Amino acid sequence: MPVGNSDRGVGLWAGQVMFGLDNINEHIDWWHEAIPGSGESFAHEGTLTSTIAIPSITIGLTNYINVSVSPMIGYRYMGWDGDTTTIHHRDEGTDTRYKNAIGGLLGNTKIVCRYLALNDGQGPGKRLFLGGGISLPSKNTITSDPFFLQNKEKMTDHRHFSMSDGCIKIISEIQYYKKRNKTPVFIGGSFLFEAPIKENKYGYKSPMLYDFIATAFSKEKPSIKGSVGLSVGLKHTSSAYWNKIKAPNSKSTIFTTGIGTLKNYDFGTISLFILKPWFVNNVNPGIEAEESDLNQKVGSWQVSIGFRHIFDFVIPWLDPLKGL
C-alpha cells in the first residue's frame, strides 16, 4: 500500500491501524523598508521559525475506506532584529498569551475520510484516493484584528500569528499514485482544497487553500539503503478577512522544490526531505499592510521528517475474516 507525504492517505485493509508522525521545520528570514504613513522611519527585519509535529492515526474501516485523525502541535517564534521597537513586532512565541492572542501548542485538528476509488493491487499499477473531511480549530488563536482595519487611529501593541486560525474548515482532496517496475518506481500527486465554513467568533475568516504536491521515488540505492525522492509543490491561498474587510498581505502563492530519501525499517518507514519554498508574489510575514511596491526580501528553508508504522493487530469488530 502506498505511503503518502504529510497527512496524505494510505490504503489499509479493514481493521488495520497505522500511526504516522510528521515533523515540519521552517525558517523564514524577512525584511522590508519602512511603510509610508506608518510614522516609523526604520526598516523592519526578523525571522519566523516554526517547529510543527503532526501525529496521526489512520484506521481502515473497510478495504476501500479509511479515516484519519491528525492534530497539529507546535511552536512558532518571531525573532525581531529591527533598529528599534515597534507595536507590530518583538521577540515572542505562540506558546504565550498576548493582548490579542491566546497562546498554546495545539493548532487545528483534521479528520479526513478517504475512499480508494482505483486500485490495481499490490504490484505495479495505479491507485486513486478521493477524500473529504473537516478541520477543527483550537482556542490558540488571534482574538482581534491585528491590522485595526476599522479603527487604525486606535492601533496599539498586537500580535499577527498563532498556532490556529480559529476557523472550522471543510476539506476535499484527490490523490493519484502509480507504482512501476523501473525508476521512478513510484510517482504521484495530490491536490488539497480547504475552505472556511464561516468567520470565527472573533470576526476572522481564513483564506481558501489550494495545495498541489507531486512526488517521485527511485529504486532503492545500495549506497544509502533507501530511495531518493523529488518533490514539487504549488500552494495558493486567497485573501483572508477581518470583520468582512480584506486582510492585508494574506493572499499568497508559494512554489516549493525538494529532494529527500525514503527508507524502510523493521519498525516502520522514515522519510526525510529538504525543501526550498519560493514566494511567487513575495508575501512577507513581517509586512503589516498591503504594500505591493514596498522594497522587501524574504527567504525560507524547510526540513520535513515523516514516520509511518502499520500495526500487526487488526481491530476485531472491523475484521471481515472474524468468525470465518
C-alpha atoms as a PDB file:
ATOM      1  CA  MET A   1       0.000   0.000   0.000  1.00  0.00           C
ATOM      2  CA  PRO A   2       1.302   3.482  -0.820  1.00  0.00           C
ATOM      3  CA  VAL A   3       2.608   5.826   1.827  1.00  0.00           C
ATOM      4  CA  GLY A   4       1.783   9.478   1.336  1.00  0.00           C
ATOM      5  CA  ASN A   5       3.512  12.713   2.329  1.00  0.00           C
ATOM      6  CA  SER A   6       2.465  14.673   5.407  1.00  0.00           C
ATOM      7  CA  ASP A   7      -1.164  13.749   6.165  1.00  0.00           C
ATOM      8  CA  ARG A   8      -1.734  12.226   2.711  1.00  0.00           C
ATOM      9  CA  GLY A   9      -3.654   8.965   2.739  1.00  0.00           C
ATOM     10  CA  VAL A  10      -2.621   5.342   2.551  1.00  0.00           C
ATOM     11  CA  GLY A  11      -4.543   2.224   1.648  1.00  0.00           C
ATOM     12  CA  LEU A  12      -5.319  -0.105   4.557  1.00  0.00           C
ATOM     13  CA  TRP A  13      -7.237  -3.345   4.891  1.00  0.00           C
ATOM     14  CA  ALA A  14     -10.365  -3.340   7.056  1.00  0.00           C
ATOM     15  CA  GLY A  15      -9.381  -3.155  10.706  1.00  0.00           C
ATOM     16  CA  GLN A  16      -5.748  -2.215  10.094  1.00  0.00           C
ATOM     17  CA  VAL A  17      -4.319   0.708  12.065  1.00  0.00           C
ATOM     18  CA  MET A  18      -1.447   2.966  11.052  1.00  0.00           C
ATOM     19  CA  PHE A  19       0.402   5.514  13.176  1.00  0.00           C
ATOM     20  CA  GLY A  20       2.061   8.464  11.485  1.00  0.00           C
ATOM     21  CA  LEU A  21       4.203  11.337  12.689  1.00  0.00           C
ATOM     22  CA  ASP A  22       5.293  14.284  10.573  1.00  0.00           C
ATOM     23  CA  ASN A  23       7.781  16.875  11.791  1.00  0.00           C
ATOM     24  CA  ILE A  24       7.926  20.094   9.768  1.00  0.00           C
ATOM     25  CA  ASN A  25      10.593  22.702  10.499  1.00  0.00           C
ATOM     26  CA  GLU A  26      10.643  26.029   8.666  1.00  0.00           C
ATOM     27  CA  HIS A  27      12.897  29.072   8.986  1.00  0.00           C
ATOM     28  CA  ILE A  28      11.982  32.363   7.274  1.00  0.00           C
ATOM     29  CA  ASP A  29      14.235  35.431   7.061  1.00  0.00           C
ATOM     30  CA  TRP A  30      12.338  38.608   6.205  1.00  0.00           C
ATOM     31  CA  TRP A  31      12.999  42.315   5.744  1.00  0.00           C
ATOM     32  CA  HIS A  32      11.084  45.291   4.381  1.00  0.00           C
ATOM     33  CA  GLU A  33      11.619  49.022   4.257  1.00  0.00           C
ATOM     34  CA  ALA A  34       9.671  51.458   6.395  1.00  0.00           C
ATOM     35  CA  ILE A  35       5.978  51.565   5.494  1.00  0.00           C
ATOM     36  CA  PRO A  36       4.941  55.016   4.215  1.00  0.00           C
ATOM     37  CA  GLY A  37       2.492  56.763   6.521  1.00  0.00           C
ATOM     38  CA  SER A  38       3.174  54.452   9.456  1.00  0.00           C
ATOM     39  CA  GLY A  39       5.075  57.066  11.437  1.00  0.00           C
ATOM     40  CA  GLU A  40       8.100  54.744  11.568  1.00  0.00           C
ATOM     41  CA  SER A  41      11.222  55.776   9.658  1.00  0.00           C
ATOM     42  CA  PHE A  42      13.117  52.498  10.172  1.00  0.00           C
ATOM     43  CA  ALA A  43      13.103  49.183   8.312  1.00  0.00           C
ATOM     44  CA  HIS A  44      11.572  46.034   9.779  1.00  0.00           C
ATOM     45  CA  GLU A  45      13.673  42.863   9.913  1.00  0.00           C
ATOM     46  CA  GLY A  46      13.357  39.499  11.599  1.00  0.00           C
ATOM     47  CA  THR A  47      12.810  35.760  11.418  1.00  0.00           C
ATOM     48  CA  LEU A  48       9.855  33.431  11.781  1.00  0.00           C
ATOM     49  CA  THR A  49      10.705  29.884  12.855  1.00  0.00           C
ATOM     50  CA  SER A  50       8.157  27.062  13.068  1.00  0.00           C
ATOM     51  CA  THR A  51       8.537  23.612  14.599  1.00  0.00           C
ATOM     52  CA  ILE A  52       5.412  21.538  13.980  1.00  0.00           C
ATOM     53  CA  ALA A  53       4.558  17.918  14.828  1.00  0.00           C
ATOM     54  CA  ILE A  54       1.522  16.210  13.289  1.00  0.00           C
ATOM     55  CA  PRO A  55       0.778  12.794  14.824  1.00  0.00           C
ATOM     56  CA  SER A  56      -1.939  10.796  13.082  1.00  0.00           C
ATOM     57  CA  ILE A  57      -3.961   7.645  13.477  1.00  0.00           C
ATOM     58  CA  THR A  58      -5.458   6.068  10.354  1.00  0.00           C
ATOM     59  CA  ILE A  59      -7.977   3.207  10.598  1.00  0.00           C
ATOM     60  CA  GLY A  60      -9.171   1.031   7.734  1.00  0.00           C
ATOM     61  CA  LEU A  61     -12.956   0.935   8.111  1.00  0.00           C
ATOM     62  CA  THR A  62     -13.267  -1.323   5.060  1.00  0.00           C
ATOM     63  CA  ASN A  63     -10.835  -2.446   2.361  1.00  0.00           C
ATOM     64  CA  TYR A  64     -11.740   0.726   0.444  1.00  0.00           C
ATOM     65  CA  ILE A  65     -12.419   3.347   3.122  1.00  0.00           C
ATOM     66  CA  ASN A  66     -10.146   4.685   5.857  1.00  0.00           C
ATOM     67  CA  VAL A  67     -10.379   7.588   8.291  1.00  0.00           C
ATOM     68  CA  SER A  68      -7.529   9.677   9.727  1.00  0.00           C
ATOM     69  CA  VAL A  69      -7.319  11.978  12.721  1.00  0.00           C
ATOM     70  CA  SER A  70      -4.318  14.337  12.789  1.00  0.00           C
ATOM     71  CA  PRO A  71      -3.872  17.180  15.302  1.00  0.00           C
ATOM     72  CA  MET A  72      -1.211  19.847  14.779  1.00  0.00           C
ATOM     73  CA  ILE A  73       1.071  20.502  17.741  1.00  0.00           C
ATOM     74  CA  GLY A  74       3.879  23.004  17.654  1.00  0.00           C
ATOM     75  CA  TYR A  75       5.511  26.349  18.195  1.00  0.00           C
ATOM     76  CA  ARG A  76       6.143  29.436  16.100  1.00  0.00           C
ATOM     77  CA  TYR A  77       8.670  32.056  17.140  1.00  0.00           C
ATOM     78  CA  MET A  78       9.154  35.560  15.775  1.00  0.00           C
ATOM     79  CA  GLY A  79      12.663  36.960  16.205  1.00  0.00           C
ATOM     80  CA  TRP A  80      12.873  40.738  15.908  1.00  0.00           C
ATOM     81  CA  ASP A  81      16.086  42.280  14.502  1.00  0.00           C
ATOM     82  CA  GLY A  82      14.849  45.773  13.726  1.00  0.00           C
ATOM     83  CA  ASP A  83      16.625  49.003  14.552  1.00  0.00           C
ATOM     84  CA  THR A  84      14.193  49.918  17.319  1.00  0.00           C
ATOM     85  CA  THR A  85      10.983  48.668  18.933  1.00  0.00           C
ATOM     86  CA  THR A  86       7.590  48.560  17.225  1.00  0.00           C
ATOM     87  CA  ILE A  87       3.994  47.805  18.195  1.00  0.00           C
ATOM     88  CA  HIS A  88       3.919  45.120  15.465  1.00  0.00           C
ATOM     89  CA  HIS A  89       6.968  43.014  16.364  1.00  0.00           C
ATOM     90  CA  ARG A  90       9.013  41.779  19.288  1.00  0.00           C
ATOM     91  CA  ASP A  91      10.745  38.541  20.261  1.00  0.00           C
ATOM     92  CA  GLU A  92       7.777  36.251  21.025  1.00  0.00           C
ATOM     93  CA  GLY A  93       6.331  32.798  20.504  1.00  0.00           C
ATOM     94  CA  THR A  94       2.889  31.287  20.071  1.00  0.00           C
ATOM     95  CA  ASP A  95       3.117  29.473  23.413  1.00  0.00           C
ATOM     96  CA  THR A  96       2.491  32.704  25.339  1.00  0.00           C
ATOM     97  CA  ARG A  97      -0.645  34.789  25.709  1.00  0.00           C
ATOM     98  CA  TYR A  98      -0.674  38.365  24.414  1.00  0.00           C
ATOM     99  CA  LYS A  99      -3.136  41.272  24.255  1.00  0.00           C
ATOM    100  CA  ASN A 100      -4.900  39.895  21.177  1.00  0.00           C
ATOM    101  CA  ALA A 101      -3.734  36.252  21.211  1.00  0.00           C
ATOM    102  CA  ILE A 102      -4.403  33.107  23.220  1.00  0.00           C
ATOM    103  CA  GLY A 103      -1.145  31.176  23.444  1.00  0.00           C
ATOM    104  CA  GLY A 104      -0.730  27.402  23.342  1.00  0.00           C
ATOM    105  CA  LEU A 105       0.760  24.458  21.468  1.00  0.00           C
ATOM    106  CA  LEU A 106      -2.327  22.978  19.766  1.00  0.00           C
ATOM    107  CA  GLY A 107      -3.264  24.046  16.243  1.00  0.00           C
ATOM    108  CA  ASN A 108      -6.040  22.747  14.001  1.00  0.00           C
ATOM    109  CA  THR A 109      -7.104  19.081  14.064  1.00  0.00           C
ATOM    110  CA  LYS A 110      -8.076  17.385  10.795  1.00  0.00           C
ATOM    111  CA  ILE A 111     -10.495  14.471  10.437  1.00  0.00           C
ATOM    112  CA  VAL A 112     -10.440  13.070   6.888  1.00  0.00           C
ATOM    113  CA  CYS A 113     -12.188  10.087   5.316  1.00  0.00           C
ATOM    114  CA  ARG A 114     -10.657   8.614   2.138  1.00  0.00           C
ATOM    115  CA  TYR A 115     -12.105   6.233  -0.446  1.00  0.00           C
ATOM    116  CA  LEU A 116      -9.838   4.004  -2.563  1.00  0.00           C
ATOM    117  CA  ALA A 117     -11.597   4.504  -5.908  1.00  0.00           C
ATOM    118  CA  LEU A 118      -8.988   2.758  -8.053  1.00  0.00           C
ATOM    119  CA  ASN A 119      -6.557   0.027  -7.008  1.00  0.00           C
ATOM    120  CA  ASP A 120      -4.581  -2.221  -9.361  1.00  0.00           C
ATOM    121  CA  GLY A 121      -3.363  -4.397  -6.469  1.00  0.00           C
ATOM    122  CA  GLN A 122      -0.142  -4.851  -4.539  1.00  0.00           C
ATOM    123  CA  GLY A 123       2.177  -4.849  -7.563  1.00  0.00           C
ATOM    124  CA  PRO A 124       2.686  -2.237 -10.300  1.00  0.00           C
ATOM    125  CA  GLY A 125      -0.378  -0.187 -11.113  1.00  0.00           C
ATOM    126  CA  LYS A 126      -2.498   2.809 -10.239  1.00  0.00           C
ATOM    127  CA  ARG A 127      -4.141   3.968  -7.037  1.00  0.00           C
ATOM    128  CA  LEU A 128      -6.704   6.768  -6.797  1.00  0.00           C
ATOM    129  CA  PHE A 129      -7.961   8.174  -3.497  1.00  0.00           C
ATOM    130  CA  LEU A 130     -10.899  10.557  -3.032  1.00  0.00           C
ATOM    131  CA  GLY A 131     -11.146  12.252   0.330  1.00  0.00           C
ATOM    132  CA  GLY A 132     -13.131  14.729   2.353  1.00  0.00           C
ATOM    133  CA  GLY A 133     -13.319  15.917   5.913  1.00  0.00           C
ATOM    134  CA  ILE A 134     -13.195  18.765   8.379  1.00  0.00           C
ATOM    135  CA  SER A 135     -10.571  20.890  10.117  1.00  0.00           C
ATOM    136  CA  LEU A 136     -11.389  21.847  13.701  1.00  0.00           C
ATOM    137  CA  PRO A 137      -9.649  24.832  15.369  1.00  0.00           C
ATOM    138  CA  SER A 138      -8.152  25.084  18.833  1.00  0.00           C
ATOM    139  CA  LYS A 139      -8.525  28.074  21.150  1.00  0.00           C
ATOM    140  CA  ASN A 140      -4.904  29.117  20.479  1.00  0.00           C
ATOM    141  CA  THR A 141      -5.668  31.879  18.016  1.00  0.00           C
ATOM    142  CA  ILE A 142      -5.730  35.647  17.398  1.00  0.00           C
ATOM    143  CA  THR A 143      -8.669  37.258  19.201  1.00  0.00           C
ATOM    144  CA  SER A 144      -8.921  40.625  17.414  1.00  0.00           C
ATOM    145  CA  ASP A 145      -7.985  42.279  14.125  1.00  0.00           C
ATOM    146  CA  PRO A 146      -4.194  42.912  14.236  1.00  0.00           C
ATOM    147  CA  PHE A 147      -4.470  45.399  11.350  1.00  0.00           C
ATOM    148  CA  PHE A 148      -7.086  47.609  13.089  1.00  0.00           C
ATOM    149  CA  LEU A 149      -8.855  47.905   9.743  1.00  0.00           C
ATOM    150  CA  GLN A 150     -11.898  49.633  11.239  1.00  0.00           C
ATOM    151  CA  ASN A 151     -10.018  51.954  13.605  1.00  0.00           C
ATOM    152  CA  LYS A 152      -6.372  52.468  12.592  1.00  0.00           C
ATOM    153  CA  GLU A 153      -6.144  55.544  14.786  1.00  0.00           C
ATOM    154  CA  LYS A 154      -6.554  53.274  17.837  1.00  0.00           C
ATOM    155  CA  MET A 155      -3.792  50.851  16.830  1.00  0.00           C
ATOM    156  CA  THR A 156      -1.808  49.546  19.785  1.00  0.00           C
ATOM    157  CA  ASP A 157       0.525  46.613  20.579  1.00  0.00           C
ATOM    158  CA  HIS A 158      -0.628  43.400  18.925  1.00  0.00           C
ATOM    159  CA  ARG A 159       0.434  40.025  17.503  1.00  0.00           C
ATOM    160  CA  HIS A 160      -0.045  38.756  13.928  1.00  0.00           C
ATOM    161  CA  PHE A 161       0.490  34.980  14.163  1.00  0.00           C
ATOM    162  CA  SER A 162      -0.825  31.994  16.130  1.00  0.00           C
ATOM    163  CA  MET A 163      -1.000  28.177  16.081  1.00  0.00           C
ATOM    164  CA  SER A 164      -4.657  28.015  14.961  1.00  0.00           C
ATOM    165  CA  ASP A 165      -6.682  30.275  12.674  1.00  0.00           C
ATOM    166  CA  GLY A 166      -9.779  29.678  14.802  1.00  0.00           C
ATOM    167  CA  CYS A 167     -11.959  28.639  11.829  1.00  0.00           C
ATOM    168  CA  ILE A 168     -13.877  25.450  11.069  1.00  0.00           C
ATOM    169  CA  LYS A 169     -12.982  24.385   7.509  1.00  0.00           C
ATOM    170  CA  ILE A 170     -14.118  21.752   5.042  1.00  0.00           C
ATOM    171  CA  ILE A 171     -11.503  19.611   3.321  1.00  0.00           C
ATOM    172  CA  SER A 172     -11.545  17.986  -0.110  1.00  0.00           C
ATOM    173  CA  GLU A 173      -8.677  16.082  -1.716  1.00  0.00           C
ATOM    174  CA  ILE A 174      -7.661  13.857  -4.628  1.00  0.00           C
ATOM    175  CA  GLN A 175      -4.590  11.611  -4.631  1.00  0.00           C
ATOM    176  CA  TYR A 176      -3.235   9.636  -7.554  1.00  0.00           C
ATOM    177  CA  TYR A 177      -0.222   7.293  -7.376  1.00  0.00           C
ATOM    178  CA  LYS A 178       1.403   4.892  -9.814  1.00  0.00           C
ATOM    179  CA  LYS A 179       3.832   2.101  -8.966  1.00  0.00           C
ATOM    180  CA  ARG A 180       6.246   0.937 -11.698  1.00  0.00           C
ATOM    181  CA  ASN A 181       8.978  -1.632 -12.242  1.00  0.00           C
ATOM    182  CA  LYS A 182      11.549   0.959 -13.352  1.00  0.00           C
ATOM    183  CA  THR A 183      12.802   4.267 -11.990  1.00  0.00           C
ATOM    184  CA  PRO A 184      10.941   6.250 -10.923  1.00  0.00           C
ATOM    185  CA  VAL A 185       9.241   3.258  -9.300  1.00  0.00           C
ATOM    186  CA  PHE A 186       6.724   5.445  -7.528  1.00  0.00           C
ATOM    187  CA  ILE A 187       5.181   8.645  -8.887  1.00  0.00           C
ATOM    188  CA  GLY A 188       2.108  10.517  -7.861  1.00  0.00           C
ATOM    189  CA  GLY A 189       0.438  13.694  -6.833  1.00  0.00           C
ATOM    190  CA  SER A 190      -2.202  15.076  -4.516  1.00  0.00           C
ATOM    191  CA  PHE A 191      -4.488  18.088  -4.569  1.00  0.00           C
ATOM    192  CA  LEU A 192      -5.923  19.503  -1.361  1.00  0.00           C
ATOM    193  CA  PHE A 193      -8.629  22.151  -1.003  1.00  0.00           C
ATOM    194  CA  GLU A 194      -9.641  23.784   2.277  1.00  0.00           C
ATOM    195  CA  ALA A 195     -12.308  26.437   2.784  1.00  0.00           C
ATOM    196  CA  PRO A 196     -13.702  28.046   5.949  1.00  0.00           C
ATOM    197  CA  ILE A 197     -17.378  27.444   6.644  1.00  0.00           C
ATOM    198  CA  LYS A 198     -17.766  30.921   8.139  1.00  0.00           C
ATOM    199  CA  GLU A 199     -15.797  33.530  10.070  1.00  0.00           C
ATOM    200  CA  ASN A 200     -14.779  32.602  13.610  1.00  0.00           C
ATOM    201  CA  LYS A 201     -16.206  34.179  16.767  1.00  0.00           C
ATOM    202  CA  TYR A 202     -13.579  36.918  16.644  1.00  0.00           C
ATOM    203  CA  GLY A 203     -14.597  38.077  13.149  1.00  0.00           C
ATOM    204  CA  TYR A 204     -11.790  36.379  11.186  1.00  0.00           C
ATOM    205  CA  LYS A 205     -12.397  34.324   8.041  1.00  0.00           C
ATOM    206  CA  SER A 206      -9.343  32.342   6.939  1.00  0.00           C
ATOM    207  CA  PRO A 207      -8.335  32.132   3.264  1.00  0.00           C
ATOM    208  CA  MET A 208      -9.210  29.271   0.948  1.00  0.00           C
ATOM    209  CA  LEU A 209      -6.255  26.952   0.382  1.00  0.00           C
ATOM    210  CA  TYR A 210      -5.285  25.178  -2.849  1.00  0.00           C
ATOM    211  CA  ASP A 211      -2.326  22.822  -2.388  1.00  0.00           C
ATOM    212  CA  PHE A 212      -0.792  20.601  -5.091  1.00  0.00           C
ATOM    213  CA  ILE A 213       2.163  18.251  -4.420  1.00  0.00           C
ATOM    214  CA  ALA A 214       3.867  15.870  -6.879  1.00  0.00           C
ATOM    215  CA  THR A 215       6.490  13.305  -5.802  1.00  0.00           C
ATOM    216  CA  ALA A 216       8.657  10.648  -7.447  1.00  0.00           C
ATOM    217  CA  PHE A 217      10.926   7.999  -5.898  1.00  0.00           C
ATOM    218  CA  SER A 218      13.731   5.948  -7.393  1.00  0.00           C
ATOM    219  CA  LYS A 219      14.515   2.295  -6.832  1.00  0.00           C
ATOM    220  CA  GLU A 220      16.455   1.546  -3.657  1.00  0.00           C
ATOM    221  CA  LYS A 221      20.016   2.842  -3.844  1.00  0.00           C
ATOM    222  CA  PRO A 222      22.508   0.400  -2.231  1.00  0.00           C
ATOM    223  CA  SER A 223      24.784   3.273  -1.208  1.00  0.00           C
ATOM    224  CA  ILE A 224      22.145   4.761   1.133  1.00  0.00           C
ATOM    225  CA  LYS A 225      19.945   1.648   1.536  1.00  0.00           C
ATOM    226  CA  GLY A 226      16.947   3.728   0.574  1.00  0.00           C
ATOM    227  CA  SER A 227      15.149   5.507  -2.254  1.00  0.00           C
ATOM    228  CA  VAL A 228      15.821   9.024  -3.487  1.00  0.00           C
ATOM    229  CA  GLY A 229      12.829  11.268  -3.957  1.00  0.00           C
ATOM    230  CA  LEU A 230      11.963  14.552  -5.645  1.00  0.00           C
ATOM    231  CA  SER A 231       9.082  16.806  -4.679  1.00  0.00           C
ATOM    232  CA  VAL A 232       7.416  19.782  -6.373  1.00  0.00           C
ATOM    233  CA  GLY A 233       4.570  21.748  -4.833  1.00  0.00           C
ATOM    234  CA  LEU A 234       2.382  24.750  -5.535  1.00  0.00           C
ATOM    235  CA  LYS A 235       0.319  26.326  -2.759  1.00  0.00           C
ATOM    236  CA  HIS A 236      -2.094  29.224  -3.159  1.00  0.00           C
ATOM    237  CA  THR A 237      -4.211  30.998  -0.561  1.00  0.00           C
ATOM    238  CA  SER A 238      -6.925  33.517  -1.304  1.00  0.00           C
ATOM    239  CA  SER A 239      -7.440  36.672   0.745  1.00  0.00           C
ATOM    240  CA  ALA A 240      -8.452  36.439   4.385  1.00  0.00           C
ATOM    241  CA  TYR A 241     -10.963  38.792   6.017  1.00  0.00           C
ATOM    242  CA  TRP A 242     -11.371  40.551   9.365  1.00  0.00           C
ATOM    243  CA  ASN A 243     -14.968  41.619  10.000  1.00  0.00           C
ATOM    244  CA  LYS A 244     -15.654  41.245   6.251  1.00  0.00           C
ATOM    245  CA  ILE A 245     -12.727  43.569   5.341  1.00  0.00           C
ATOM    246  CA  LYS A 246      -9.882  42.070   3.300  1.00  0.00           C
ATOM    247  CA  ALA A 247      -6.800  41.435   5.434  1.00  0.00           C
ATOM    248  CA  PRO A 248      -3.539  42.889   4.083  1.00  0.00           C
ATOM    249  CA  ASN A 249      -0.745  40.526   2.995  1.00  0.00           C
ATOM    250  CA  SER A 250      -2.990  37.437   3.235  1.00  0.00           C
ATOM    251  CA  LYS A 251      -3.122  36.342  -0.411  1.00  0.00           C
ATOM    252  CA  SER A 252      -0.110  34.228  -1.382  1.00  0.00           C
ATOM    253  CA  THR A 253       1.344  31.799  -3.906  1.00  0.00           C
ATOM    254  CA  ILE A 254       4.319  29.619  -2.974  1.00  0.00           C
ATOM    255  CA  PHE A 255       6.224  27.239  -5.254  1.00  0.00           C
ATOM    256  CA  THR A 256       8.297  24.573  -3.464  1.00  0.00           C
ATOM    257  CA  THR A 257      11.003  22.197  -4.679  1.00  0.00           C
ATOM    258  CA  GLY A 258      12.647  19.498  -2.612  1.00  0.00           C
ATOM    259  CA  ILE A 259      14.843  16.415  -2.501  1.00  0.00           C
ATOM    260  CA  GLY A 260      14.816  13.630   0.032  1.00  0.00           C
ATOM    261  CA  THR A 261      15.077   9.970   0.864  1.00  0.00           C
ATOM    262  CA  LEU A 262      12.743   7.162   1.922  1.00  0.00           C
ATOM    263  CA  LYS A 263      13.906   4.155   3.960  1.00  0.00           C
ATOM    264  CA  ASN A 264      12.073   1.062   5.146  1.00  0.00           C
ATOM    265  CA  TYR A 265      12.938  -0.434   8.537  1.00  0.00           C
ATOM    266  CA  ASP A 266      11.508  -3.300  10.575  1.00  0.00           C
ATOM    267  CA  PHE A 267       9.754  -0.752  12.798  1.00  0.00           C
ATOM    268  CA  GLY A 268       8.347   1.424  10.014  1.00  0.00           C
ATOM    269  CA  THR A 269       9.091   3.785   7.134  1.00  0.00           C
ATOM    270  CA  ILE A 270      11.021   7.038   7.518  1.00  0.00           C
ATOM    271  CA  SER A 271      11.239   9.892   5.021  1.00  0.00           C
ATOM    272  CA  LEU A 272      13.451  12.982   5.091  1.00  0.00           C
ATOM    273  CA  PHE A 273      13.039  15.947   2.745  1.00  0.00           C
ATOM    274  CA  ILE A 274      14.850  19.275   2.418  1.00  0.00           C
ATOM    275  CA  LEU A 275      12.563  21.820   0.773  1.00  0.00           C
ATOM    276  CA  LYS A 276      13.059  25.277  -0.699  1.00  0.00           C
ATOM    277  CA  PRO A 277       9.940  27.482  -0.897  1.00  0.00           C
ATOM    278  CA  TRP A 278       9.857  30.243  -3.498  1.00  0.00           C
ATOM    279  CA  PHE A 279       7.452  33.108  -2.752  1.00  0.00           C
ATOM    280  CA  VAL A 280       5.889  33.841  -6.134  1.00  0.00           C
ATOM    281  CA  ASN A 281       4.226  37.082  -5.048  1.00  0.00           C
ATOM    282  CA  ASN A 282       6.885  37.795  -2.391  1.00  0.00           C
ATOM    283  CA  VAL A 283       4.442  37.509   0.523  1.00  0.00           C
ATOM    284  CA  ASN A 284       6.267  38.629   3.665  1.00  0.00           C
ATOM    285  CA  PRO A 285       5.251  37.577   7.215  1.00  0.00           C
ATOM    286  CA  GLY A 286       6.618  40.848   8.578  1.00  0.00           C
ATOM    287  CA  ILE A 287       4.536  43.238   6.466  1.00  0.00           C
ATOM    288  CA  GLU A 288       1.521  44.735   8.228  1.00  0.00           C
ATOM    289  CA  ALA A 289      -0.002  46.499   5.198  1.00  0.00           C
ATOM    290  CA  GLU A 290      -0.966  45.859   1.576  1.00  0.00           C
ATOM    291  CA  GLU A 291       2.110  47.473   0.016  1.00  0.00           C
ATOM    292  CA  SER A 292       2.862  45.631  -3.240  1.00  0.00           C
ATOM    293  CA  ASP A 293       5.599  48.064  -4.326  1.00  0.00           C
ATOM    294  CA  LEU A 294       7.412  48.053  -0.983  1.00  0.00           C
ATOM    295  CA  ASN A 295      11.089  47.084  -1.088  1.00  0.00           C
ATOM    296  CA  GLN A 296      11.306  43.752   0.699  1.00  0.00           C
ATOM    297  CA  LYS A 297      13.201  40.472   0.958  1.00  0.00           C
ATOM    298  CA  VAL A 298      12.016  37.075   2.138  1.00  0.00           C
ATOM    299  CA  GLY A 299      13.680  33.646   2.073  1.00  0.00           C
ATOM    300  CA  SER A 300      12.821  30.280   3.557  1.00  0.00           C
ATOM    301  CA  TRP A 301      14.023  26.689   4.048  1.00  0.00           C
ATOM    302  CA  GLN A 302      12.122  23.654   5.320  1.00  0.00           C
ATOM    303  CA  VAL A 303      13.117  20.262   6.690  1.00  0.00           C
ATOM    304  CA  SER A 304      10.381  17.615   6.788  1.00  0.00           C
ATOM    305  CA  ILE A 305      10.662  14.237   8.544  1.00  0.00           C
ATOM    306  CA  GLY A 306       7.939  11.602   8.300  1.00  0.00           C
ATOM    307  CA  PHE A 307       7.345   8.257  10.009  1.00  0.00           C
ATOM    308  CA  ARG A 308       4.753   5.547   9.253  1.00  0.00           C
ATOM    309  CA  HIS A 309       4.067   2.277  11.061  1.00  0.00           C
ATOM    310  CA  ILE A 310       1.252  -0.185  10.349  1.00  0.00           C
ATOM    311  CA  PHE A 311       0.442  -2.223  13.443  1.00  0.00           C
ATOM    312  CA  ASP A 312       0.304  -6.016  13.286  1.00  0.00           C
ATOM    313  CA  PHE A 313      -3.040  -6.273  15.058  1.00  0.00           C
ATOM    314  CA  VAL A 314      -6.469  -5.834  13.454  1.00  0.00           C
ATOM    315  CA  ILE A 315      -9.444  -4.195  15.189  1.00  0.00           C
ATOM    316  CA  PRO A 316     -11.725  -7.228  15.838  1.00  0.00           C
ATOM    317  CA  TRP A 317     -15.096  -5.654  15.019  1.00  0.00           C
ATOM    318  CA  LEU A 318     -13.778  -4.311  11.702  1.00  0.00           C
ATOM    319  CA  ASP A 319     -12.079  -7.564  10.631  1.00  0.00           C
ATOM    320  CA  PRO A 320     -14.131  -9.092   7.751  1.00  0.00           C
ATOM    321  CA  LEU A 321     -12.463 -12.501   8.374  1.00  0.00           C
ATOM    322  CA  LYS A 322     -13.501 -12.739  12.014  1.00  0.00           C
ATOM    323  CA  GLY A 323     -15.735 -15.717  12.622  1.00  0.00           C
ATOM    324  CA  LEU A 324     -14.876 -17.447   9.338  1.00  0.00           C
END
